[in-house]
């Protein structure tokens, strides 16, 4: 039996494609991670998969860490190895699974980037001074922030989803779950101004469209937000999701109940929303250090 590491990887990838029907992108990701391990094995004179021990795998993880790979990326590579060795064990290629005793690296908890509301307002001034149709980009930023939406949720809004009488939006979120999100007075003003300039032909039209009256492309939204936020803020991550993070944090800063914020964001679990409480605490600490005479 050919139990070389390279041959076993090829057989495993073939199963992912022909039996498990994984997507091309997923298989490509597995391949890159496993070939990285194969190279490390080759550099350390390991040829056959049954030569690999748990100690050697830990050595590989240590090598990745020494090369400044983030824990998230190391965990992904280890996950690919788990799948490979589970496959090898289940198919009798190895008699003992060396990954079974190897723990995942601890996830690094990174707090979301947040932009202050004044900076967001500053982006509107930029549009008004440069754009032929400034309201399109202004309404995109306003609804993403004002209603704390994901990009896909913004792009899929239909004209029938807005109810100005109840000041709400009906949003189709992850897992095709619908939720009702409130619209603030300022967001309503901007949305109405946009609809006055670009009225939909019927209620099934997309609510917000580009200047060619077509559905918004997520890449277009991402490009607009990133470009505008980069001009008003120096936070490292500047994306549409940064506006969602900022909205959640600002709501909690101003006394919103955590469970209410959870419902507005459309989170499945409260634990997902709780990260924003930590952001708020860190912001309070920063303000205290900057302004309190006893800090």
C-alpha atoms as a PDB file:
ATOM      1  CA  UNK A   1       0.000   0.000   0.000  1.00  0.00           C
ATOM      2  CA  UNK A   2       1.253   3.454  -0.927  1.00  0.00           C
ATOM      3  CA  UNK A   3       0.926   5.357   2.322  1.00  0.00           C
ATOM      4  CA  UNK A   4       3.102   8.342   1.476  1.00  0.00           C
ATOM      5  CA  UNK A   5       1.851  11.650   2.821  1.00  0.00           C
ATOM      6  CA  UNK A   6       1.577  13.164  -0.656  1.00  0.00           C
ATOM      7  CA  UNK A   7      -0.393  10.190  -2.047  1.00  0.00           C
ATOM      8  CA  UNK A   8      -2.738  10.123   0.968  1.00  0.00           C
ATOM      9  CA  UNK A   9      -3.444  13.830   0.581  1.00  0.00           C
ATOM     10  CA  UNK A  10      -4.311  13.294  -3.104  1.00  0.00           C
ATOM     11  CA  UNK A  11      -6.693  10.431  -2.239  1.00  0.00           C
ATOM     12  CA  UNK A  12      -8.315  12.501   0.506  1.00  0.00           C
ATOM     13  CA  UNK A  13      -8.841  15.507  -1.788  1.00  0.00           C
ATOM     14  CA  UNK A  14     -10.295  13.188  -4.419  1.00  0.00           C
ATOM     15  CA  UNK A  15     -12.857  11.937  -1.883  1.00  0.00           C
ATOM     16  CA  UNK A  16     -13.793  15.510  -0.953  1.00  0.00           C
ATOM     17  CA  UNK A  17     -14.496  16.202  -4.613  1.00  0.00           C
ATOM     18  CA  UNK A  18     -16.156  13.001  -5.852  1.00  0.00           C
ATOM     19  CA  UNK A  19     -17.828  11.593  -2.728  1.00  0.00           C
ATOM     20  CA  UNK A  20     -18.487  14.479  -0.361  1.00  0.00           C
ATOM     21  CA  UNK A  21     -19.081  16.966  -3.197  1.00  0.00           C
ATOM     22  CA  UNK A  22     -17.280  19.843  -1.518  1.00  0.00           C
ATOM     23  CA  UNK A  23     -17.070  23.119  -3.430  1.00  0.00           C
ATOM     24  CA  UNK A  24     -13.994  23.961  -5.503  1.00  0.00           C
ATOM     25  CA  UNK A  25     -13.048  26.775  -3.118  1.00  0.00           C
ATOM     26  CA  UNK A  26     -13.267  24.498  -0.078  1.00  0.00           C
ATOM     27  CA  UNK A  27     -11.130  21.830  -1.753  1.00  0.00           C
ATOM     28  CA  UNK A  28      -8.608  24.479  -2.790  1.00  0.00           C
ATOM     29  CA  UNK A  29      -8.388  25.662   0.818  1.00  0.00           C
ATOM     30  CA  UNK A  30      -7.848  22.094   2.084  1.00  0.00           C
ATOM     31  CA  UNK A  31      -5.222  21.532  -0.582  1.00  0.00           C
ATOM     32  CA  UNK A  32      -3.237  24.646   0.310  1.00  0.00           C
ATOM     33  CA  UNK A  33      -3.250  23.818   4.021  1.00  0.00           C
ATOM     34  CA  UNK A  34      -2.314  20.157   3.501  1.00  0.00           C
ATOM     35  CA  UNK A  35       0.453  20.903   1.007  1.00  0.00           C
ATOM     36  CA  UNK A  36       1.894  23.305   3.569  1.00  0.00           C
ATOM     37  CA  UNK A  37       2.027  20.395   6.027  1.00  0.00           C
ATOM     38  CA  UNK A  38       3.484  18.082   3.356  1.00  0.00           C
ATOM     39  CA  UNK A  39       6.322  20.537   2.746  1.00  0.00           C
ATOM     40  CA  UNK A  40       7.053  20.709   6.480  1.00  0.00           C
ATOM     41  CA  UNK A  41       7.135  16.907   6.585  1.00  0.00           C
ATOM     42  CA  UNK A  42       9.503  16.789   3.622  1.00  0.00           C
ATOM     43  CA  UNK A  43      11.797  19.375   5.237  1.00  0.00           C
ATOM     44  CA  UNK A  44      11.882  17.162   8.324  1.00  0.00           C
ATOM     45  CA  UNK A  45      12.492  13.921   6.381  1.00  0.00           C
ATOM     46  CA  UNK A  46       9.017  12.472   6.972  1.00  0.00           C
ATOM     47  CA  UNK A  47       7.674  10.566   3.963  1.00  0.00           C
ATOM     48  CA  UNK A  48       4.914   8.222   5.098  1.00  0.00           C
ATOM     49  CA  UNK A  49       1.769   9.234   6.935  1.00  0.00           C
ATOM     50  CA  UNK A  50       2.184   6.490   9.558  1.00  0.00           C
ATOM     51  CA  UNK A  51       5.433   8.164  10.667  1.00  0.00           C
ATOM     52  CA  UNK A  52       3.538  11.205  11.943  1.00  0.00           C
ATOM     53  CA  UNK A  53       3.092  11.441  15.713  1.00  0.00           C
ATOM     54  CA  UNK A  54       1.206  13.864  17.922  1.00  0.00           C
ATOM     55  CA  UNK A  55       4.577  15.289  18.993  1.00  0.00           C
ATOM     56  CA  UNK A  56       5.455  16.005  15.348  1.00  0.00           C
ATOM     57  CA  UNK A  57       2.118  17.730  14.747  1.00  0.00           C
ATOM     58  CA  UNK A  58       2.695  19.949  17.787  1.00  0.00           C
ATOM     59  CA  UNK A  59       6.117  20.737  16.341  1.00  0.00           C
ATOM     60  CA  UNK A  60       4.392  21.807  13.119  1.00  0.00           C
ATOM     61  CA  UNK A  61       1.949  24.049  15.002  1.00  0.00           C
ATOM     62  CA  UNK A  62       4.872  25.594  16.895  1.00  0.00           C
ATOM     63  CA  UNK A  63       6.567  26.225  13.544  1.00  0.00           C
ATOM     64  CA  UNK A  64       3.453  28.011  12.252  1.00  0.00           C
ATOM     65  CA  UNK A  65       3.280  30.144  15.382  1.00  0.00           C
ATOM     66  CA  UNK A  66       6.963  31.072  15.074  1.00  0.00           C
ATOM     67  CA  UNK A  67       6.197  32.285  11.562  1.00  0.00           C
ATOM     68  CA  UNK A  68       3.693  34.762  13.046  1.00  0.00           C
ATOM     69  CA  UNK A  69       0.600  32.949  11.805  1.00  0.00           C
ATOM     70  CA  UNK A  70      -2.512  33.981  13.737  1.00  0.00           C
ATOM     71  CA  UNK A  71      -4.214  31.414  15.964  1.00  0.00           C
ATOM     72  CA  UNK A  72      -7.276  31.530  13.718  1.00  0.00           C
ATOM     73  CA  UNK A  73      -5.191  30.442  10.705  1.00  0.00           C
ATOM     74  CA  UNK A  74      -3.343  27.797  12.743  1.00  0.00           C
ATOM     75  CA  UNK A  75      -6.696  26.373  13.895  1.00  0.00           C
ATOM     76  CA  UNK A  76      -7.856  26.194  10.265  1.00  0.00           C
ATOM     77  CA  UNK A  77      -4.729  24.280   9.229  1.00  0.00           C
ATOM     78  CA  UNK A  78      -5.130  21.936  12.196  1.00  0.00           C
ATOM     79  CA  UNK A  79      -8.757  21.353  11.187  1.00  0.00           C
ATOM     80  CA  UNK A  80      -7.571  20.277   7.716  1.00  0.00           C
ATOM     81  CA  UNK A  81      -5.103  17.883   9.361  1.00  0.00           C
ATOM     82  CA  UNK A  82      -7.866  16.445  11.557  1.00  0.00           C
ATOM     83  CA  UNK A  83      -9.920  15.673   8.473  1.00  0.00           C
ATOM     84  CA  UNK A  84      -6.933  14.096   6.701  1.00  0.00           C
ATOM     85  CA  UNK A  85      -5.971  11.869   9.636  1.00  0.00           C
ATOM     86  CA  UNK A  86      -9.587  10.935  10.384  1.00  0.00           C
ATOM     87  CA  UNK A  87      -9.864   9.823   6.760  1.00  0.00           C
ATOM     88  CA  UNK A  88      -6.592   7.883   7.036  1.00  0.00           C
ATOM     89  CA  UNK A  89      -7.627   6.178  10.282  1.00  0.00           C
ATOM     90  CA  UNK A  90     -11.132   5.278   9.051  1.00  0.00           C
ATOM     91  CA  UNK A  91      -9.681   3.762   5.877  1.00  0.00           C
ATOM     92  CA  UNK A  92      -7.028   1.693   7.661  1.00  0.00           C
ATOM     93  CA  UNK A  93      -4.092   3.692   6.314  1.00  0.00           C
ATOM     94  CA  UNK A  94      -2.901   4.406   9.887  1.00  0.00           C
ATOM     95  CA  UNK A  95      -3.497   2.427  13.073  1.00  0.00           C
ATOM     96  CA  UNK A  96      -3.489   5.401  15.453  1.00  0.00           C
ATOM     97  CA  UNK A  97      -4.778   8.918  14.938  1.00  0.00           C
ATOM     98  CA  UNK A  98      -2.049  11.355  16.087  1.00  0.00           C
ATOM     99  CA  UNK A  99      -4.333  14.411  15.950  1.00  0.00           C
ATOM    100  CA  UNK A 100      -6.829  13.041  18.472  1.00  0.00           C
ATOM    101  CA  UNK A 101      -4.745  14.279  21.420  1.00  0.00           C
ATOM    102  CA  UNK A 102      -3.828  17.671  19.926  1.00  0.00           C
ATOM    103  CA  UNK A 103      -5.883  20.642  21.168  1.00  0.00           C
ATOM    104  CA  UNK A 104      -6.878  23.653  19.103  1.00  0.00           C
ATOM    105  CA  UNK A 105      -5.017  26.888  19.811  1.00  0.00           C
ATOM    106  CA  UNK A 106      -7.021  29.350  21.869  1.00  0.00           C
ATOM    107  CA  UNK A 107      -8.982  31.768  19.732  1.00  0.00           C
ATOM    108  CA  UNK A 108      -7.818  35.353  19.925  1.00  0.00           C
ATOM    109  CA  UNK A 109     -10.680  37.588  20.922  1.00  0.00           C
ATOM    110  CA  UNK A 110     -10.451  40.681  18.777  1.00  0.00           C
ATOM    111  CA  UNK A 111     -12.788  43.527  19.541  1.00  0.00           C
ATOM    112  CA  UNK A 112     -14.657  44.939  16.538  1.00  0.00           C
ATOM    113  CA  UNK A 113     -13.548  48.247  15.062  1.00  0.00           C
ATOM    114  CA  UNK A 114     -15.862  51.141  15.881  1.00  0.00           C
ATOM    115  CA  UNK A 115     -16.215  54.572  14.274  1.00  0.00           C
ATOM    116  CA  UNK A 116     -17.754  57.503  16.122  1.00  0.00           C
ATOM    117  CA  UNK A 117     -21.027  58.937  14.846  1.00  0.00           C
ATOM    118  CA  UNK A 118     -19.488  62.335  14.016  1.00  0.00           C
ATOM    119  CA  UNK A 119     -17.103  60.674  11.559  1.00  0.00           C
ATOM    120  CA  UNK A 120     -20.015  58.922   9.875  1.00  0.00           C
ATOM    121  CA  UNK A 121     -21.776  62.280   9.441  1.00  0.00           C
ATOM    122  CA  UNK A 122     -18.563  63.643   7.961  1.00  0.00           C
ATOM    123  CA  UNK A 123     -18.855  61.156   5.079  1.00  0.00           C
ATOM    124  CA  UNK A 124     -22.123  62.841   4.042  1.00  0.00           C
ATOM    125  CA  UNK A 125     -20.332  66.166   3.612  1.00  0.00           C
ATOM    126  CA  UNK A 126     -17.771  64.444   1.405  1.00  0.00           C
ATOM    127  CA  UNK A 127     -20.533  63.094  -0.870  1.00  0.00           C
ATOM    128  CA  UNK A 128     -22.314  66.439  -1.134  1.00  0.00           C
ATOM    129  CA  UNK A 129     -19.141  68.173  -2.216  1.00  0.00           C
ATOM    130  CA  UNK A 130     -18.036  65.643  -4.852  1.00  0.00           C
ATOM    131  CA  UNK A 131     -20.853  63.474  -6.178  1.00  0.00           C
ATOM    132  CA  UNK A 132     -23.404  64.049  -8.932  1.00  0.00           C
ATOM    133  CA  UNK A 133     -25.898  61.852  -7.088  1.00  0.00           C
ATOM    134  CA  UNK A 134     -24.672  62.108  -3.471  1.00  0.00           C
ATOM    135  CA  UNK A 135     -27.900  60.756  -2.004  1.00  0.00           C
ATOM    136  CA  UNK A 136     -27.201  57.211  -3.291  1.00  0.00           C
ATOM    137  CA  UNK A 137     -24.003  56.834  -1.301  1.00  0.00           C
ATOM    138  CA  UNK A 138     -25.395  58.735   1.664  1.00  0.00           C
ATOM    139  CA  UNK A 139     -28.438  56.468   1.944  1.00  0.00           C
ATOM    140  CA  UNK A 140     -26.253  53.355   1.674  1.00  0.00           C
ATOM    141  CA  UNK A 141     -24.092  54.457   4.606  1.00  0.00           C
ATOM    142  CA  UNK A 142     -27.077  55.723   6.591  1.00  0.00           C
ATOM    143  CA  UNK A 143     -29.163  52.548   6.348  1.00  0.00           C
ATOM    144  CA  UNK A 144     -26.193  50.270   7.018  1.00  0.00           C
ATOM    145  CA  UNK A 145     -25.417  52.267  10.164  1.00  0.00           C
ATOM    146  CA  UNK A 146     -28.870  53.498  11.160  1.00  0.00           C
ATOM    147  CA  UNK A 147     -30.467  50.042  10.933  1.00  0.00           C
ATOM    148  CA  UNK A 148     -27.307  48.012  11.708  1.00  0.00           C
ATOM    149  CA  UNK A 149     -27.689  45.890   8.566  1.00  0.00           C
ATOM    150  CA  UNK A 150     -25.407  43.412   6.850  1.00  0.00           C
ATOM    151  CA  UNK A 151     -24.480  44.235   3.243  1.00  0.00           C
ATOM    152  CA  UNK A 152     -26.577  41.357   1.845  1.00  0.00           C
ATOM    153  CA  UNK A 153     -29.578  42.550   3.860  1.00  0.00           C
ATOM    154  CA  UNK A 154     -29.247  46.071   2.458  1.00  0.00           C
ATOM    155  CA  UNK A 155     -28.895  44.860  -1.138  1.00  0.00           C
ATOM    156  CA  UNK A 156     -31.963  42.599  -0.879  1.00  0.00           C
ATOM    157  CA  UNK A 157     -34.372  45.159   0.600  1.00  0.00           C
ATOM    158  CA  UNK A 158     -37.495  45.657  -1.506  1.00  0.00           C
ATOM    159  CA  UNK A 159     -39.660  48.785  -1.664  1.00  0.00           C
ATOM    160  CA  UNK A 160     -42.464  46.873   0.094  1.00  0.00           C
ATOM    161  CA  UNK A 161     -40.164  46.185   3.052  1.00  0.00           C
ATOM    162  CA  UNK A 162     -40.237  49.748   4.341  1.00  0.00           C
ATOM    163  CA  UNK A 163     -43.218  50.924   6.414  1.00  0.00           C
ATOM    164  CA  UNK A 164     -43.010  54.612   7.190  1.00  0.00           C
ATOM    165  CA  UNK A 165     -46.236  54.503   9.220  1.00  0.00           C
ATOM    166  CA  UNK A 166     -44.698  52.123  11.760  1.00  0.00           C
ATOM    167  CA  UNK A 167     -41.131  53.388  11.181  1.00  0.00           C
ATOM    168  CA  UNK A 168     -39.805  49.898  10.460  1.00  0.00           C
ATOM    169  CA  UNK A 169     -37.961  47.805   7.894  1.00  0.00           C
ATOM    170  CA  UNK A 170     -38.624  44.126   7.214  1.00  0.00           C
ATOM    171  CA  UNK A 171     -35.210  42.526   6.811  1.00  0.00           C
ATOM    172  CA  UNK A 172     -34.352  39.114   5.384  1.00  0.00           C
ATOM    173  CA  UNK A 173     -31.360  37.944   7.408  1.00  0.00           C
ATOM    174  CA  UNK A 174     -29.161  34.871   7.668  1.00  0.00           C
ATOM    175  CA  UNK A 175     -30.895  31.540   7.205  1.00  0.00           C
ATOM    176  CA  UNK A 176     -33.763  33.328   5.410  1.00  0.00           C
ATOM    177  CA  UNK A 177     -35.050  34.552   8.782  1.00  0.00           C
ATOM    178  CA  UNK A 178     -37.124  37.721   8.713  1.00  0.00           C
ATOM    179  CA  UNK A 179     -36.885  40.374  11.414  1.00  0.00           C
ATOM    180  CA  UNK A 180     -38.383  43.817  11.911  1.00  0.00           C
ATOM    181  CA  UNK A 181     -35.892  46.637  12.425  1.00  0.00           C
ATOM    182  CA  UNK A 182     -36.810  50.175  13.550  1.00  0.00           C
ATOM    183  CA  UNK A 183     -35.858  53.158  11.390  1.00  0.00           C
ATOM    184  CA  UNK A 184     -34.778  56.303  13.202  1.00  0.00           C
ATOM    185  CA  UNK A 185     -36.134  59.743  12.284  1.00  0.00           C
ATOM    186  CA  UNK A 186     -32.854  60.871  10.701  1.00  0.00           C
ATOM    187  CA  UNK A 187     -32.593  57.672   8.657  1.00  0.00           C
ATOM    188  CA  UNK A 188     -36.192  58.154   7.497  1.00  0.00           C
ATOM    189  CA  UNK A 189     -35.447  61.686   6.296  1.00  0.00           C
ATOM    190  CA  UNK A 190     -32.507  60.477   4.196  1.00  0.00           C
ATOM    191  CA  UNK A 191     -34.393  57.444   2.873  1.00  0.00           C
ATOM    192  CA  UNK A 192     -37.384  59.605   1.840  1.00  0.00           C
ATOM    193  CA  UNK A 193     -35.069  62.065   0.130  1.00  0.00           C
ATOM    194  CA  UNK A 194     -33.524  59.194  -1.812  1.00  0.00           C
ATOM    195  CA  UNK A 195     -36.941  57.791  -2.784  1.00  0.00           C
ATOM    196  CA  UNK A 196     -38.073  61.236  -3.963  1.00  0.00           C
ATOM    197  CA  UNK A 197     -35.134  61.341  -6.361  1.00  0.00           C
ATOM    198  CA  UNK A 198     -35.201  57.646  -7.293  1.00  0.00           C
ATOM    199  CA  UNK A 199     -38.756  56.371  -6.826  1.00  0.00           C
ATOM    200  CA  UNK A 200     -39.316  52.613  -7.379  1.00  0.00           C
ATOM    201  CA  UNK A 201     -41.562  51.554 -10.262  1.00  0.00           C
ATOM    202  CA  UNK A 202     -43.442  49.110  -8.031  1.00  0.00           C
ATOM    203  CA  UNK A 203     -43.362  47.596  -4.547  1.00  0.00           C
ATOM    204  CA  UNK A 204     -41.303  44.611  -5.716  1.00  0.00           C
ATOM    205  CA  UNK A 205     -38.461  46.847  -6.899  1.00  0.00           C
ATOM    206  CA  UNK A 206     -35.311  46.879  -4.811  1.00  0.00           C
ATOM    207  CA  UNK A 207     -35.508  49.663  -2.257  1.00  0.00           C
ATOM    208  CA  UNK A 208     -32.048  51.122  -2.866  1.00  0.00           C
ATOM    209  CA  UNK A 209     -30.586  50.937  -6.359  1.00  0.00           C
ATOM    210  CA  UNK A 210     -27.549  52.304  -8.153  1.00  0.00           C
ATOM    211  CA  UNK A 211     -27.658  55.250 -10.553  1.00  0.00           C
ATOM    212  CA  UNK A 212     -28.594  52.851 -13.379  1.00  0.00           C
ATOM    213  CA  UNK A 213     -31.676  51.780 -11.395  1.00  0.00           C
ATOM    214  CA  UNK A 214     -30.240  48.286 -10.836  1.00  0.00           C
ATOM    215  CA  UNK A 215     -29.829  46.180  -7.714  1.00  0.00           C
ATOM    216  CA  UNK A 216     -26.860  47.122  -5.538  1.00  0.00           C
ATOM    217  CA  UNK A 217     -23.797  44.932  -5.933  1.00  0.00           C
ATOM    218  CA  UNK A 218     -22.203  43.984  -2.565  1.00  0.00           C
ATOM    219  CA  UNK A 219     -18.742  44.804  -3.972  1.00  0.00           C
ATOM    220  CA  UNK A 220     -19.981  48.283  -4.943  1.00  0.00           C
ATOM    221  CA  UNK A 221     -21.303  48.828  -1.400  1.00  0.00           C
ATOM    222  CA  UNK A 222     -18.059  47.572   0.126  1.00  0.00           C
ATOM    223  CA  UNK A 223     -16.007  49.877  -2.099  1.00  0.00           C
ATOM    224  CA  UNK A 224     -18.113  52.943  -1.250  1.00  0.00           C
ATOM    225  CA  UNK A 225     -18.001  52.385   2.497  1.00  0.00           C
ATOM    226  CA  UNK A 226     -14.305  51.528   2.648  1.00  0.00           C
ATOM    227  CA  UNK A 227     -13.350  54.548   0.561  1.00  0.00           C
ATOM    228  CA  UNK A 228     -15.446  56.970   2.592  1.00  0.00           C
ATOM    229  CA  UNK A 229     -14.535  55.673   6.038  1.00  0.00           C
ATOM    230  CA  UNK A 230     -10.836  55.786   5.146  1.00  0.00           C
ATOM    231  CA  UNK A 231     -11.217  59.550   4.690  1.00  0.00           C
ATOM    232  CA  UNK A 232     -12.736  60.190   8.108  1.00  0.00           C
ATOM    233  CA  UNK A 233     -11.208  57.539  10.380  1.00  0.00           C
ATOM    234  CA  UNK A 234      -7.894  55.821  11.017  1.00  0.00           C
ATOM    235  CA  UNK A 235      -9.332  52.554  12.382  1.00  0.00           C
ATOM    236  CA  UNK A 236      -7.662  49.538  10.779  1.00  0.00           C
ATOM    237  CA  UNK A 237     -10.833  47.800   9.596  1.00  0.00           C
ATOM    238  CA  UNK A 238     -13.063  50.001   7.463  1.00  0.00           C
ATOM    239  CA  UNK A 239     -15.883  48.031   5.891  1.00  0.00           C
ATOM    240  CA  UNK A 240     -19.691  47.910   5.818  1.00  0.00           C
ATOM    241  CA  UNK A 241     -19.556  45.593   8.827  1.00  0.00           C
ATOM    242  CA  UNK A 242     -17.682  48.330  10.711  1.00  0.00           C
ATOM    243  CA  UNK A 243     -20.863  50.421  10.464  1.00  0.00           C
ATOM    244  CA  UNK A 244     -22.863  47.520  11.928  1.00  0.00           C
ATOM    245  CA  UNK A 245     -20.331  47.133  14.759  1.00  0.00           C
ATOM    246  CA  UNK A 246     -20.476  50.876  15.386  1.00  0.00           C
ATOM    247  CA  UNK A 247     -24.282  50.920  15.478  1.00  0.00           C
ATOM    248  CA  UNK A 248     -24.406  48.103  18.044  1.00  0.00           C
ATOM    249  CA  UNK A 249     -21.748  49.724  20.230  1.00  0.00           C
ATOM    250  CA  UNK A 250     -23.381  53.160  20.098  1.00  0.00           C
ATOM    251  CA  UNK A 251     -26.748  51.654  21.078  1.00  0.00           C
ATOM    252  CA  UNK A 252     -25.191  50.017  24.142  1.00  0.00           C
ATOM    253  CA  UNK A 253     -23.231  53.184  24.959  1.00  0.00           C
ATOM    254  CA  UNK A 254     -26.546  55.020  25.110  1.00  0.00           C
ATOM    255  CA  UNK A 255     -28.231  52.536  27.425  1.00  0.00           C
ATOM    256  CA  UNK A 256     -29.926  50.077  25.043  1.00  0.00           C
ATOM    257  CA  UNK A 257     -30.826  46.681  26.497  1.00  0.00           C
ATOM    258  CA  UNK A 258     -28.527  43.893  25.273  1.00  0.00           C
ATOM    259  CA  UNK A 259     -31.464  41.672  24.270  1.00  0.00           C
ATOM    260  CA  UNK A 260     -33.000  44.466  22.207  1.00  0.00           C
ATOM    261  CA  UNK A 261     -29.693  44.981  20.380  1.00  0.00           C
ATOM    262  CA  UNK A 262     -29.566  41.213  19.760  1.00  0.00           C
ATOM    263  CA  UNK A 263     -32.976  41.321  18.063  1.00  0.00           C
ATOM    264  CA  UNK A 264     -32.073  44.362  15.953  1.00  0.00           C
ATOM    265  CA  UNK A 265     -28.863  42.701  14.765  1.00  0.00           C
ATOM    266  CA  UNK A 266     -30.599  39.382  14.110  1.00  0.00           C
ATOM    267  CA  UNK A 267     -28.143  37.357  16.180  1.00  0.00           C
ATOM    268  CA  UNK A 268     -29.076  33.761  16.941  1.00  0.00           C
ATOM    269  CA  UNK A 269     -27.376  33.761  20.349  1.00  0.00           C
ATOM    270  CA  UNK A 270     -26.982  36.451  22.991  1.00  0.00           C
ATOM    271  CA  UNK A 271     -23.310  35.499  23.377  1.00  0.00           C
ATOM    272  CA  UNK A 272     -22.643  36.842  19.875  1.00  0.00           C
ATOM    273  CA  UNK A 273     -24.011  40.240  20.870  1.00  0.00           C
ATOM    274  CA  UNK A 274     -22.115  40.337  24.165  1.00  0.00           C
ATOM    275  CA  UNK A 275     -18.843  41.185  22.408  1.00  0.00           C
ATOM    276  CA  UNK A 276     -20.199  44.720  22.055  1.00  0.00           C
ATOM    277  CA  UNK A 277     -20.504  45.115  25.820  1.00  0.00           C
ATOM    278  CA  UNK A 278     -16.750  44.567  25.986  1.00  0.00           C
ATOM    279  CA  UNK A 279     -16.251  47.204  23.280  1.00  0.00           C
ATOM    280  CA  UNK A 280     -18.302  49.651  25.351  1.00  0.00           C
ATOM    281  CA  UNK A 281     -16.283  48.906  28.492  1.00  0.00           C
ATOM    282  CA  UNK A 282     -13.030  49.456  26.614  1.00  0.00           C
ATOM    283  CA  UNK A 283     -14.355  52.748  25.231  1.00  0.00           C
ATOM    284  CA  UNK A 284     -15.278  53.877  28.752  1.00  0.00           C
ATOM    285  CA  UNK A 285     -11.776  53.015  29.949  1.00  0.00           C
ATOM    286  CA  UNK A 286     -10.219  54.994  27.107  1.00  0.00           C
ATOM    287  CA  UNK A 287     -12.402  58.036  27.832  1.00  0.00           C
ATOM    288  CA  UNK A 288     -11.583  57.782  31.541  1.00  0.00           C
ATOM    289  CA  UNK A 289      -7.842  57.615  30.911  1.00  0.00           C
ATOM    290  CA  UNK A 290      -8.010  60.556  28.540  1.00  0.00           C
ATOM    291  CA  UNK A 291     -10.208  62.842  30.612  1.00  0.00           C
ATOM    292  CA  UNK A 292     -10.137  61.930  34.313  1.00  0.00           C
ATOM    293  CA  UNK A 293      -7.549  63.850  36.387  1.00  0.00           C
ATOM    294  CA  UNK A 294      -6.946  60.811  38.618  1.00  0.00           C
ATOM    295  CA  UNK A 295      -6.363  58.405  35.754  1.00  0.00           C
END
